[in-house]
Amino acid sequence: MTNHPQVGLVVALLCLFGVGTVVWLWTTTEPAVSPPLSSARSSGSDAEHNNRVETFFGGDPDRDVRNGQEMKPRW
């Protein structure tokens, strides 16, 4: 064995910390769920999704921001 008992204590604490971290990560993360293959969205549902997004975020309906606008700082 070693002449330094502190080395064994440090190694044991590091192993315990590592195992605890792995167990904590394993129990707290959610498993990745892949979407079903049969749920391919059609263009109709894409349009519906776009309408819901536009309704949710709102905005000024009189302002056309589709093509973007150069930002001009007001100093």
Protein backbone atom coordinates (compact mmCIF):
# COMPACT_ATOMS: atom_id res chain seq x y z
CA MET A 1 0.00 0.00 0.00
CA THR A 2 0.98 3.62 0.09
CA ASN A 3 2.68 5.39 2.92
CA HIS A 4 0.26 8.31 2.61
CA PRO A 5 -3.29 7.53 3.76
CA GLN A 6 -4.43 10.94 2.49
CA VAL A 7 -3.90 9.81 -1.10
CA GLY A 8 -6.36 6.96 -0.67
CA LEU A 9 -8.85 9.29 0.96
CA VAL A 10 -8.59 11.79 -1.90
CA VAL A 11 -9.01 9.06 -4.52
CA ALA A 12 -12.02 7.64 -2.66
CA LEU A 13 -13.63 11.10 -2.42
CA LEU A 14 -13.04 11.78 -6.12
CA CYS A 15 -14.60 8.44 -7.05
CA LEU A 16 -17.56 9.11 -4.78
CA PHE A 17 -18.00 12.57 -6.29
CA GLY A 18 -17.82 11.16 -9.82
CA VAL A 19 -20.35 8.42 -9.13
CA GLY A 20 -22.66 10.91 -7.44
CA THR A 21 -22.44 13.26 -10.42
CA VAL A 22 -23.23 10.48 -12.89
CA VAL A 23 -26.21 9.29 -10.83
CA TRP A 24 -27.51 12.86 -10.45
CA LEU A 25 -27.23 13.55 -14.19
CA TRP A 26 -28.80 10.20 -15.04
CA THR A 27 -31.82 10.80 -12.81
CA THR A 28 -32.43 14.48 -13.62
CA THR A 29 -32.15 14.55 -17.41
CA GLU A 30 -35.10 13.64 -19.55
CA PRO A 31 -34.57 11.05 -22.26
CA ALA A 32 -34.57 12.31 -25.83
CA VAL A 33 -37.80 11.37 -27.54
CA SER A 34 -37.82 11.23 -31.31
CA PRO A 35 -41.00 12.34 -33.08
CA PRO A 36 -43.12 9.66 -34.69
CA LEU A 37 -42.32 9.04 -38.33
CA SER A 38 -45.95 9.33 -39.41
CA SER A 39 -46.32 12.93 -38.20
CA ALA A 40 -44.95 14.63 -41.31
CA ARG A 41 -46.55 18.07 -41.48
CA SER A 42 -48.30 19.14 -44.64
CA SER A 43 -48.16 22.62 -46.12
CA GLY A 44 -51.61 23.37 -44.65
CA SER A 45 -50.39 22.79 -41.12
CA ASP A 46 -47.29 24.89 -41.87
CA ALA A 47 -49.52 27.79 -42.85
CA GLU A 48 -51.58 27.26 -39.69
CA HIS A 49 -48.39 27.20 -37.62
CA ASN A 50 -47.19 30.43 -39.24
CA ASN A 51 -50.52 32.10 -38.51
CA ARG A 52 -50.35 31.05 -34.85
CA VAL A 53 -46.79 32.37 -34.56
CA GLU A 54 -47.76 35.67 -36.17
CA THR A 55 -50.80 36.00 -33.90
CA PHE A 56 -48.75 35.20 -30.81
CA PHE A 57 -45.93 37.64 -31.48
CA GLY A 58 -48.28 40.29 -32.81
CA GLY A 59 -46.52 43.33 -34.16
CA ASP A 60 -47.65 46.35 -36.12
CA PRO A 61 -49.81 45.13 -39.02
CA ASP A 62 -49.26 48.42 -40.91
CA ARG A 63 -45.48 48.06 -40.96
CA ASP A 64 -43.91 45.81 -43.61
CA VAL A 65 -40.90 44.12 -42.05
CA ARG A 66 -40.68 41.12 -44.37
CA ASN A 67 -37.62 42.31 -46.31
CA GLY A 68 -35.87 43.82 -43.33
CA GLN A 69 -34.60 47.33 -42.81
CA GLU A 70 -31.14 48.71 -42.28
CA MET A 71 -30.56 49.65 -38.68
CA LYS A 72 -29.73 53.31 -38.19
CA PRO A 73 -28.56 54.27 -34.71
CA ARG A 74 -29.95 57.49 -33.31
CA TRP A 75 -26.97 59.10 -31.57
